[in-house]
Amino acid sequence: MDLGALLTTQFIAVALVFARIGAAMMFMAGFGESFFFVSHRLAASLLFALVITPLVSLGELPRGGVDLVQAMAVEVTLGVWIGLASRVLLTAMQVAGAQIGMVSGLSNAFAPDIGSFQGSTLIATTLLLAAVAVIFAADIHHLIIEAMIESYFVFPPGMLMPGDLAEQMARAAQTALYTGVSVAAPFFVMGVVLNVGLGLSNRMLPSLPVFFVAAPVLIAAGLFVLVLAVPSAVRTFVTRFIEWLGLLSF
């Protein structure tokens, strides 16, 4: 067997796997955060590609330059879709944090951007960090790697299904919105109860400076409810995220 042809074949196989894994790692929840250096993500993607290549069936490798570019484009598209879908699910914590910040009066407590949208509130950033920490503390990153391997059985190399990808992305957005609103639901109840109570107090005591009293009361109550609700919020997100990873494994 020609050694040069063998090395070329192996190089193309690793490159195709790296195209999907690398694109997914750039956006994947946990691995794709801004505090993970891009060089580290690329190095991890290359290592994963070397390990995963013997485990998956790539079928017939492209022979011509045009076929290779087309195959690489398909793999990059699938990798970007996998990463963005997980990123959309992670926005559930950002949606919840934004709603909690508005209800509790902390919407102006901005925090540095760490991979979320620009101008994220302090509570949204805290929930995001908690979710990312749980992903690694609970070894969910192992499930992420396994799901990327199993994705070759769900999305065979060279096959692109735009309709299915768009439908699943829409479902991921729906799940993220539903999860975010569900997590923030106790704070909506708290806001209604407190605002109604402060409104009645103002009617009974017109001289009471409700505007100055309401802000610290809302902040204190919001932080108290946040301490009680964070474990359930993170557990809800993790459950939804693991369910989505399971879709890539079957």
C-alpha atoms as a PDB file:
ATOM      1  CA  MET A   1       0.000   0.000   0.000  1.00  0.00           C
ATOM      2  CA  ASP A   2       1.238   3.482  -0.835  1.00  0.00           C
ATOM      3  CA  LEU A   3       2.235   5.150   2.425  1.00  0.00           C
ATOM      4  CA  GLY A   4       1.580   8.615   1.024  1.00  0.00           C
ATOM      5  CA  ALA A   5      -1.955   7.710  -0.011  1.00  0.00           C
ATOM      6  CA  LEU A   6      -2.603   6.124   3.389  1.00  0.00           C
ATOM      7  CA  LEU A   7      -1.388   9.218   5.255  1.00  0.00           C
ATOM      8  CA  THR A   8      -3.455  11.458   2.982  1.00  0.00           C
ATOM      9  CA  THR A   9      -6.559   9.382   3.645  1.00  0.00           C
ATOM     10  CA  GLN A  10      -6.013   9.485   7.394  1.00  0.00           C
ATOM     11  CA  PHE A  11      -5.364  13.223   7.294  1.00  0.00           C
ATOM     12  CA  ILE A  12      -8.592  13.876   5.374  1.00  0.00           C
ATOM     13  CA  ALA A  13     -10.562  11.697   7.805  1.00  0.00           C
ATOM     14  CA  VAL A  14      -9.196  13.576  10.830  1.00  0.00           C
ATOM     15  CA  ALA A  15      -9.786  16.914   9.093  1.00  0.00           C
ATOM     16  CA  LEU A  16     -13.447  16.069   8.445  1.00  0.00           C
ATOM     17  CA  VAL A  17     -13.988  15.044  12.054  1.00  0.00           C
ATOM     18  CA  PHE A  18     -12.130  18.126  13.257  1.00  0.00           C
ATOM     19  CA  ALA A  19     -14.387  20.321  11.103  1.00  0.00           C
ATOM     20  CA  ARG A  20     -17.495  19.145  12.948  1.00  0.00           C
ATOM     21  CA  ILE A  21     -16.009  18.848  16.426  1.00  0.00           C
ATOM     22  CA  GLY A  22     -14.094  22.124  16.193  1.00  0.00           C
ATOM     23  CA  ALA A  23     -17.127  24.060  14.974  1.00  0.00           C
ATOM     24  CA  ALA A  24     -19.263  22.567  17.759  1.00  0.00           C
ATOM     25  CA  MET A  25     -16.653  23.360  20.421  1.00  0.00           C
ATOM     26  CA  MET A  26     -16.578  27.032  19.434  1.00  0.00           C
ATOM     27  CA  PHE A  27     -20.192  27.467  20.578  1.00  0.00           C
ATOM     28  CA  MET A  28     -20.873  24.473  22.834  1.00  0.00           C
ATOM     29  CA  ALA A  29     -22.285  25.290  26.254  1.00  0.00           C
ATOM     30  CA  GLY A  30     -19.494  25.037  28.797  1.00  0.00           C
ATOM     31  CA  PHE A  31     -16.631  24.717  26.316  1.00  0.00           C
ATOM     32  CA  GLY A  32     -17.591  27.764  24.258  1.00  0.00           C
ATOM     33  CA  GLU A  33     -17.483  30.380  27.024  1.00  0.00           C
ATOM     34  CA  SER A  34     -15.261  33.392  26.498  1.00  0.00           C
ATOM     35  CA  PHE A  35     -13.070  32.547  29.502  1.00  0.00           C
ATOM     36  CA  PHE A  36     -11.958  29.400  27.629  1.00  0.00           C
ATOM     37  CA  PHE A  37      -9.157  30.514  25.335  1.00  0.00           C
ATOM     38  CA  VAL A  38      -9.759  29.842  21.655  1.00  0.00           C
ATOM     39  CA  SER A  39      -6.373  28.152  21.357  1.00  0.00           C
ATOM     40  CA  HIS A  40      -7.333  25.732  24.137  1.00  0.00           C
ATOM     41  CA  ARG A  41     -10.634  24.951  22.432  1.00  0.00           C
ATOM     42  CA  LEU A  42      -8.865  24.297  19.142  1.00  0.00           C
ATOM     43  CA  ALA A  43      -6.288  22.070  20.847  1.00  0.00           C
ATOM     44  CA  ALA A  44      -9.035  20.118  22.623  1.00  0.00           C
ATOM     45  CA  SER A  45     -10.971  19.807  19.352  1.00  0.00           C
ATOM     46  CA  LEU A  46      -7.903  18.429  17.571  1.00  0.00           C
ATOM     47  CA  LEU A  47      -7.318  15.926  20.367  1.00  0.00           C
ATOM     48  CA  PHE A  48     -10.963  14.842  20.276  1.00  0.00           C
ATOM     49  CA  ALA A  49     -10.778  14.503  16.481  1.00  0.00           C
ATOM     50  CA  LEU A  50      -7.762  12.208  16.719  1.00  0.00           C
ATOM     51  CA  VAL A  51      -9.554  10.044  19.296  1.00  0.00           C
ATOM     52  CA  ILE A  52     -12.981  10.045  17.648  1.00  0.00           C
ATOM     53  CA  THR A  53     -11.869   9.347  14.063  1.00  0.00           C
ATOM     54  CA  PRO A  54     -11.289   5.598  14.594  1.00  0.00           C
ATOM     55  CA  LEU A  55     -14.648   5.309  16.406  1.00  0.00           C
ATOM     56  CA  VAL A  56     -16.908   6.668  13.671  1.00  0.00           C
ATOM     57  CA  SER A  57     -17.650   5.604  10.127  1.00  0.00           C
ATOM     58  CA  LEU A  58     -17.053   8.368   7.630  1.00  0.00           C
ATOM     59  CA  GLY A  59     -18.052   6.307   4.617  1.00  0.00           C
ATOM     60  CA  GLU A  60     -16.303   6.972   1.335  1.00  0.00           C
ATOM     61  CA  LEU A  61     -13.927   9.891   1.661  1.00  0.00           C
ATOM     62  CA  PRO A  62     -14.033  12.663  -0.960  1.00  0.00           C
ATOM     63  CA  ARG A  63     -11.461  12.290  -3.716  1.00  0.00           C
ATOM     64  CA  GLY A  64     -11.540  15.599  -5.569  1.00  0.00           C
ATOM     65  CA  GLY A  65     -10.994  19.116  -4.294  1.00  0.00           C
ATOM     66  CA  VAL A  66     -14.583  20.189  -4.922  1.00  0.00           C
ATOM     67  CA  ASP A  67     -15.966  17.151  -3.103  1.00  0.00           C
ATOM     68  CA  LEU A  68     -13.627  17.801  -0.181  1.00  0.00           C
ATOM     69  CA  VAL A  69     -14.706  21.445   0.136  1.00  0.00           C
ATOM     70  CA  GLN A  70     -18.359  20.393  -0.030  1.00  0.00           C
ATOM     71  CA  ALA A  71     -17.860  17.709   2.638  1.00  0.00           C
ATOM     72  CA  MET A  72     -16.007  20.163   4.879  1.00  0.00           C
ATOM     73  CA  ALA A  73     -18.802  22.721   4.480  1.00  0.00           C
ATOM     74  CA  VAL A  74     -21.415  20.145   5.492  1.00  0.00           C
ATOM     75  CA  GLU A  75     -19.419  19.068   8.542  1.00  0.00           C
ATOM     76  CA  VAL A  76     -18.803  22.661   9.653  1.00  0.00           C
ATOM     77  CA  THR A  77     -22.515  23.432   9.240  1.00  0.00           C
ATOM     78  CA  LEU A  78     -23.496  20.454  11.383  1.00  0.00           C
ATOM     79  CA  GLY A  79     -20.907  21.358  14.010  1.00  0.00           C
ATOM     80  CA  VAL A  80     -22.083  24.966  14.162  1.00  0.00           C
ATOM     81  CA  TRP A  81     -25.683  23.758  14.473  1.00  0.00           C
ATOM     82  CA  ILE A  82     -24.817  21.464  17.382  1.00  0.00           C
ATOM     83  CA  GLY A  83     -22.925  24.210  19.179  1.00  0.00           C
ATOM     84  CA  LEU A  84     -25.538  26.900  18.571  1.00  0.00           C
ATOM     85  CA  ALA A  85     -28.392  24.631  19.656  1.00  0.00           C
ATOM     86  CA  SER A  86     -26.670  24.055  22.997  1.00  0.00           C
ATOM     87  CA  ARG A  87     -25.960  27.791  23.240  1.00  0.00           C
ATOM     88  CA  VAL A  88     -29.652  28.546  22.642  1.00  0.00           C
ATOM     89  CA  LEU A  89     -30.560  26.185  25.489  1.00  0.00           C
ATOM     90  CA  LEU A  90     -28.061  27.940  27.742  1.00  0.00           C
ATOM     91  CA  THR A  91     -29.779  31.266  27.077  1.00  0.00           C
ATOM     92  CA  ALA A  92     -32.603  29.967  29.281  1.00  0.00           C
ATOM     93  CA  MET A  93     -30.533  31.038  32.276  1.00  0.00           C
ATOM     94  CA  GLN A  94     -29.923  34.449  30.720  1.00  0.00           C
ATOM     95  CA  VAL A  95     -33.638  34.924  30.032  1.00  0.00           C
ATOM     96  CA  ALA A  96     -34.419  33.961  33.617  1.00  0.00           C
ATOM     97  CA  GLY A  97     -31.714  36.261  34.973  1.00  0.00           C
ATOM     98  CA  ALA A  98     -32.959  39.210  32.901  1.00  0.00           C
ATOM     99  CA  GLN A  99     -36.536  38.694  34.110  1.00  0.00           C
ATOM    100  CA  ILE A 100     -35.430  38.287  37.721  1.00  0.00           C
ATOM    101  CA  GLY A 101     -33.344  41.442  37.475  1.00  0.00           C
ATOM    102  CA  MET A 102     -36.279  43.483  36.207  1.00  0.00           C
ATOM    103  CA  VAL A 103     -38.671  42.171  38.853  1.00  0.00           C
ATOM    104  CA  SER A 104     -36.254  42.594  41.773  1.00  0.00           C
ATOM    105  CA  GLY A 105     -34.940  45.994  40.715  1.00  0.00           C
ATOM    106  CA  LEU A 106     -31.456  44.802  39.776  1.00  0.00           C
ATOM    107  CA  SER A 107     -31.779  45.210  36.020  1.00  0.00           C
ATOM    108  CA  ASN A 108     -29.214  48.037  36.119  1.00  0.00           C
ATOM    109  CA  ALA A 109     -26.618  45.940  37.924  1.00  0.00           C
ATOM    110  CA  PHE A 110     -24.626  45.140  34.799  1.00  0.00           C
ATOM    111  CA  ALA A 111     -21.844  42.584  34.728  1.00  0.00           C
ATOM    112  CA  PRO A 112     -18.959  41.928  32.320  1.00  0.00           C
ATOM    113  CA  ASP A 113     -19.886  39.837  29.295  1.00  0.00           C
ATOM    114  CA  ILE A 114     -18.704  36.224  29.664  1.00  0.00           C
ATOM    115  CA  GLY A 115     -20.221  34.684  26.595  1.00  0.00           C
ATOM    116  CA  SER A 116     -23.765  35.895  27.095  1.00  0.00           C
ATOM    117  CA  PHE A 117     -25.401  38.830  25.351  1.00  0.00           C
ATOM    118  CA  GLN A 118     -23.895  42.284  25.808  1.00  0.00           C
ATOM    119  CA  GLY A 119     -25.096  44.172  28.861  1.00  0.00           C
ATOM    120  CA  SER A 120     -26.193  41.101  30.782  1.00  0.00           C
ATOM    121  CA  THR A 121     -27.306  41.732  34.326  1.00  0.00           C
ATOM    122  CA  LEU A 122     -25.429  40.540  37.353  1.00  0.00           C
ATOM    123  CA  ILE A 123     -28.080  37.914  38.134  1.00  0.00           C
ATOM    124  CA  ALA A 124     -28.064  36.585  34.550  1.00  0.00           C
ATOM    125  CA  THR A 125     -24.285  36.250  34.655  1.00  0.00           C
ATOM    126  CA  THR A 126     -24.474  34.519  38.039  1.00  0.00           C
ATOM    127  CA  LEU A 127     -27.009  31.983  36.783  1.00  0.00           C
ATOM    128  CA  LEU A 128     -24.919  31.397  33.655  1.00  0.00           C
ATOM    129  CA  LEU A 129     -21.793  30.760  35.713  1.00  0.00           C
ATOM    130  CA  ALA A 130     -23.750  28.420  38.001  1.00  0.00           C
ATOM    131  CA  ALA A 131     -25.020  26.426  35.013  1.00  0.00           C
ATOM    132  CA  VAL A 132     -21.538  26.162  33.467  1.00  0.00           C
ATOM    133  CA  ALA A 133     -20.039  25.147  36.823  1.00  0.00           C
ATOM    134  CA  VAL A 134     -22.641  22.396  37.247  1.00  0.00           C
ATOM    135  CA  ILE A 135     -21.953  21.125  33.700  1.00  0.00           C
ATOM    136  CA  PHE A 136     -18.357  20.376  34.673  1.00  0.00           C
ATOM    137  CA  ALA A 137     -18.958  19.483  38.337  1.00  0.00           C
ATOM    138  CA  ALA A 138     -21.602  16.873  37.424  1.00  0.00           C
ATOM    139  CA  ASP A 139     -19.470  15.440  34.570  1.00  0.00           C
ATOM    140  CA  ILE A 140     -22.045  16.511  32.002  1.00  0.00           C
ATOM    141  CA  HIS A 141     -19.144  17.471  29.744  1.00  0.00           C
ATOM    142  CA  HIS A 142     -18.586  13.723  29.353  1.00  0.00           C
ATOM    143  CA  LEU A 143     -22.121  13.466  27.990  1.00  0.00           C
ATOM    144  CA  ILE A 144     -21.351  16.351  25.634  1.00  0.00           C
ATOM    145  CA  ILE A 145     -18.354  14.487  24.208  1.00  0.00           C
ATOM    146  CA  GLU A 146     -20.387  11.291  23.929  1.00  0.00           C
ATOM    147  CA  ALA A 147     -23.195  13.176  22.188  1.00  0.00           C
ATOM    148  CA  MET A 148     -20.742  14.597  19.652  1.00  0.00           C
ATOM    149  CA  ILE A 149     -19.561  11.059  18.901  1.00  0.00           C
ATOM    150  CA  GLU A 150     -23.105   9.742  18.622  1.00  0.00           C
ATOM    151  CA  SER A 151     -24.026  12.641  16.342  1.00  0.00           C
ATOM    152  CA  TYR A 152     -22.305  10.753  13.515  1.00  0.00           C
ATOM    153  CA  PHE A 153     -25.038   8.145  13.728  1.00  0.00           C
ATOM    154  CA  VAL A 154     -27.827  10.744  13.841  1.00  0.00           C
ATOM    155  CA  PHE A 155     -26.257  12.969  11.160  1.00  0.00           C
ATOM    156  CA  PRO A 156     -24.150  10.772   8.873  1.00  0.00           C
ATOM    157  CA  PRO A 157     -21.201  12.551   7.225  1.00  0.00           C
ATOM    158  CA  GLY A 158     -22.070  14.301   3.993  1.00  0.00           C
ATOM    159  CA  MET A 159     -25.815  14.435   4.711  1.00  0.00           C
ATOM    160  CA  LEU A 160     -27.452  17.778   5.463  1.00  0.00           C
ATOM    161  CA  MET A 161     -31.123  18.040   6.421  1.00  0.00           C
ATOM    162  CA  PRO A 162     -31.959  21.756   6.589  1.00  0.00           C
ATOM    163  CA  GLY A 163     -35.629  21.216   7.427  1.00  0.00           C
ATOM    164  CA  ASP A 164     -34.906  18.961  10.393  1.00  0.00           C
ATOM    165  CA  LEU A 165     -32.102  21.226  11.624  1.00  0.00           C
ATOM    166  CA  ALA A 166     -34.345  24.300  11.494  1.00  0.00           C
ATOM    167  CA  GLU A 167     -37.161  22.461  13.283  1.00  0.00           C
ATOM    168  CA  GLN A 168     -34.880  21.250  16.063  1.00  0.00           C
ATOM    169  CA  MET A 169     -33.370  24.728  16.466  1.00  0.00           C
ATOM    170  CA  ALA A 170     -36.870  26.175  16.832  1.00  0.00           C
ATOM    171  CA  ARG A 171     -37.662  23.536  19.454  1.00  0.00           C
ATOM    172  CA  ALA A 172     -34.450  24.411  21.310  1.00  0.00           C
ATOM    173  CA  ALA A 173     -35.477  28.086  21.338  1.00  0.00           C
ATOM    174  CA  GLN A 174     -38.953  27.124  22.568  1.00  0.00           C
ATOM    175  CA  THR A 175     -37.461  24.979  25.330  1.00  0.00           C
ATOM    176  CA  ALA A 176     -35.076  27.760  26.360  1.00  0.00           C
ATOM    177  CA  LEU A 177     -37.880  30.329  26.569  1.00  0.00           C
ATOM    178  CA  TYR A 178     -40.153  27.947  28.476  1.00  0.00           C
ATOM    179  CA  THR A 179     -37.355  27.031  30.902  1.00  0.00           C
ATOM    180  CA  GLY A 180     -36.358  30.651  31.464  1.00  0.00           C
ATOM    181  CA  VAL A 181     -39.916  31.771  32.184  1.00  0.00           C
ATOM    182  CA  SER A 182     -40.479  28.738  34.438  1.00  0.00           C
ATOM    183  CA  VAL A 183     -37.384  29.565  36.473  1.00  0.00           C
ATOM    184  CA  ALA A 184     -38.456  33.204  36.813  1.00  0.00           C
ATOM    185  CA  ALA A 185     -42.098  32.353  37.689  1.00  0.00           C
ATOM    186  CA  PRO A 186     -41.625  32.583  41.511  1.00  0.00           C
ATOM    187  CA  PHE A 187     -40.207  36.084  41.075  1.00  0.00           C
ATOM    188  CA  PHE A 188     -43.233  37.164  39.041  1.00  0.00           C
ATOM    189  CA  VAL A 189     -45.458  36.075  41.935  1.00  0.00           C
ATOM    190  CA  MET A 190     -43.173  37.845  44.407  1.00  0.00           C
ATOM    191  CA  GLY A 191     -43.250  41.041  42.346  1.00  0.00           C
ATOM    192  CA  VAL A 192     -47.032  41.062  42.096  1.00  0.00           C
ATOM    193  CA  VAL A 193     -47.513  40.442  45.832  1.00  0.00           C
ATOM    194  CA  LEU A 194     -44.978  43.074  46.893  1.00  0.00           C
ATOM    195  CA  ASN A 195     -46.170  45.725  44.456  1.00  0.00           C
ATOM    196  CA  VAL A 196     -49.806  45.177  45.434  1.00  0.00           C
ATOM    197  CA  GLY A 197     -48.844  45.402  49.104  1.00  0.00           C
ATOM    198  CA  LEU A 198     -46.828  48.579  48.561  1.00  0.00           C
ATOM    199  CA  GLY A 199     -49.683  50.063  46.546  1.00  0.00           C
ATOM    200  CA  LEU A 200     -52.157  49.395  49.357  1.00  0.00           C
ATOM    201  CA  SER A 201     -49.701  50.839  51.867  1.00  0.00           C
ATOM    202  CA  ASN A 202     -49.462  53.993  49.811  1.00  0.00           C
ATOM    203  CA  ARG A 203     -53.250  54.295  49.704  1.00  0.00           C
ATOM    204  CA  MET A 204     -53.519  53.899  53.484  1.00  0.00           C
ATOM    205  CA  LEU A 205     -50.484  56.061  54.270  1.00  0.00           C
ATOM    206  CA  PRO A 206     -50.211  58.747  51.590  1.00  0.00           C
ATOM    207  CA  SER A 207     -47.255  60.307  53.391  1.00  0.00           C
ATOM    208  CA  LEU A 208     -45.233  57.095  53.124  1.00  0.00           C
ATOM    209  CA  PRO A 209     -42.382  57.515  50.556  1.00  0.00           C
ATOM    210  CA  VAL A 210     -43.232  54.284  48.742  1.00  0.00           C
ATOM    211  CA  PHE A 211     -40.746  54.935  45.943  1.00  0.00           C
ATOM    212  CA  PHE A 212     -37.810  54.939  48.372  1.00  0.00           C
ATOM    213  CA  VAL A 213     -39.166  52.035  50.412  1.00  0.00           C
ATOM    214  CA  ALA A 214     -40.021  49.810  47.433  1.00  0.00           C
ATOM    215  CA  ALA A 215     -36.505  49.562  45.979  1.00  0.00           C
ATOM    216  CA  PRO A 216     -34.755  48.031  49.033  1.00  0.00           C
ATOM    217  CA  VAL A 217     -37.763  45.818  49.770  1.00  0.00           C
ATOM    218  CA  LEU A 218     -37.810  44.433  46.229  1.00  0.00           C
ATOM    219  CA  ILE A 219     -34.051  43.898  46.197  1.00  0.00           C
ATOM    220  CA  ALA A 220     -34.022  42.159  49.589  1.00  0.00           C
ATOM    221  CA  ALA A 221     -37.002  39.961  48.703  1.00  0.00           C
ATOM    222  CA  GLY A 222     -35.533  39.174  45.279  1.00  0.00           C
ATOM    223  CA  LEU A 223     -32.213  38.084  46.752  1.00  0.00           C
ATOM    224  CA  PHE A 224     -33.993  35.981  49.376  1.00  0.00           C
ATOM    225  CA  VAL A 225     -36.107  34.193  46.773  1.00  0.00           C
ATOM    226  CA  LEU A 226     -33.036  33.836  44.530  1.00  0.00           C
ATOM    227  CA  VAL A 227     -31.167  31.937  47.239  1.00  0.00           C
ATOM    228  CA  LEU A 228     -34.075  29.523  47.534  1.00  0.00           C
ATOM    229  CA  ALA A 229     -34.709  29.202  43.794  1.00  0.00           C
ATOM    230  CA  VAL A 230     -31.184  28.853  42.356  1.00  0.00           C
ATOM    231  CA  PRO A 231     -30.807  25.097  43.077  1.00  0.00           C
ATOM    232  CA  SER A 232     -34.145  24.342  41.420  1.00  0.00           C
ATOM    233  CA  ALA A 233     -33.340  26.676  38.505  1.00  0.00           C
ATOM    234  CA  VAL A 234     -30.001  25.036  37.764  1.00  0.00           C
ATOM    235  CA  ARG A 235     -31.523  21.564  38.167  1.00  0.00           C
ATOM    236  CA  THR A 236     -34.253  22.448  35.666  1.00  0.00           C
ATOM    237  CA  PHE A 237     -31.727  23.668  33.105  1.00  0.00           C
ATOM    238  CA  VAL A 238     -29.463  20.649  33.566  1.00  0.00           C
ATOM    239  CA  THR A 239     -32.411  18.290  33.105  1.00  0.00           C
ATOM    240  CA  ARG A 240     -33.455  19.985  29.856  1.00  0.00           C
ATOM    241  CA  PHE A 241     -29.870  20.055  28.624  1.00  0.00           C
ATOM    242  CA  ILE A 242     -29.322  16.352  29.292  1.00  0.00           C
ATOM    243  CA  GLU A 243     -32.585  15.559  27.500  1.00  0.00           C
ATOM    244  CA  TRP A 244     -31.334  17.484  24.459  1.00  0.00           C
ATOM    245  CA  LEU A 245     -27.998  15.675  24.552  1.00  0.00           C
ATOM    246  CA  GLY A 246     -29.965  12.428  24.536  1.00  0.00           C
ATOM    247  CA  LEU A 247     -31.520  13.435  21.205  1.00  0.00           C
ATOM    248  CA  LEU A 248     -28.029  13.369  19.657  1.00  0.00           C
ATOM    249  CA  SER A 249     -27.412   9.856  20.983  1.00  0.00           C
ATOM    250  CA  PHE A 250     -30.263   8.036  19.348  1.00  0.00           C
END
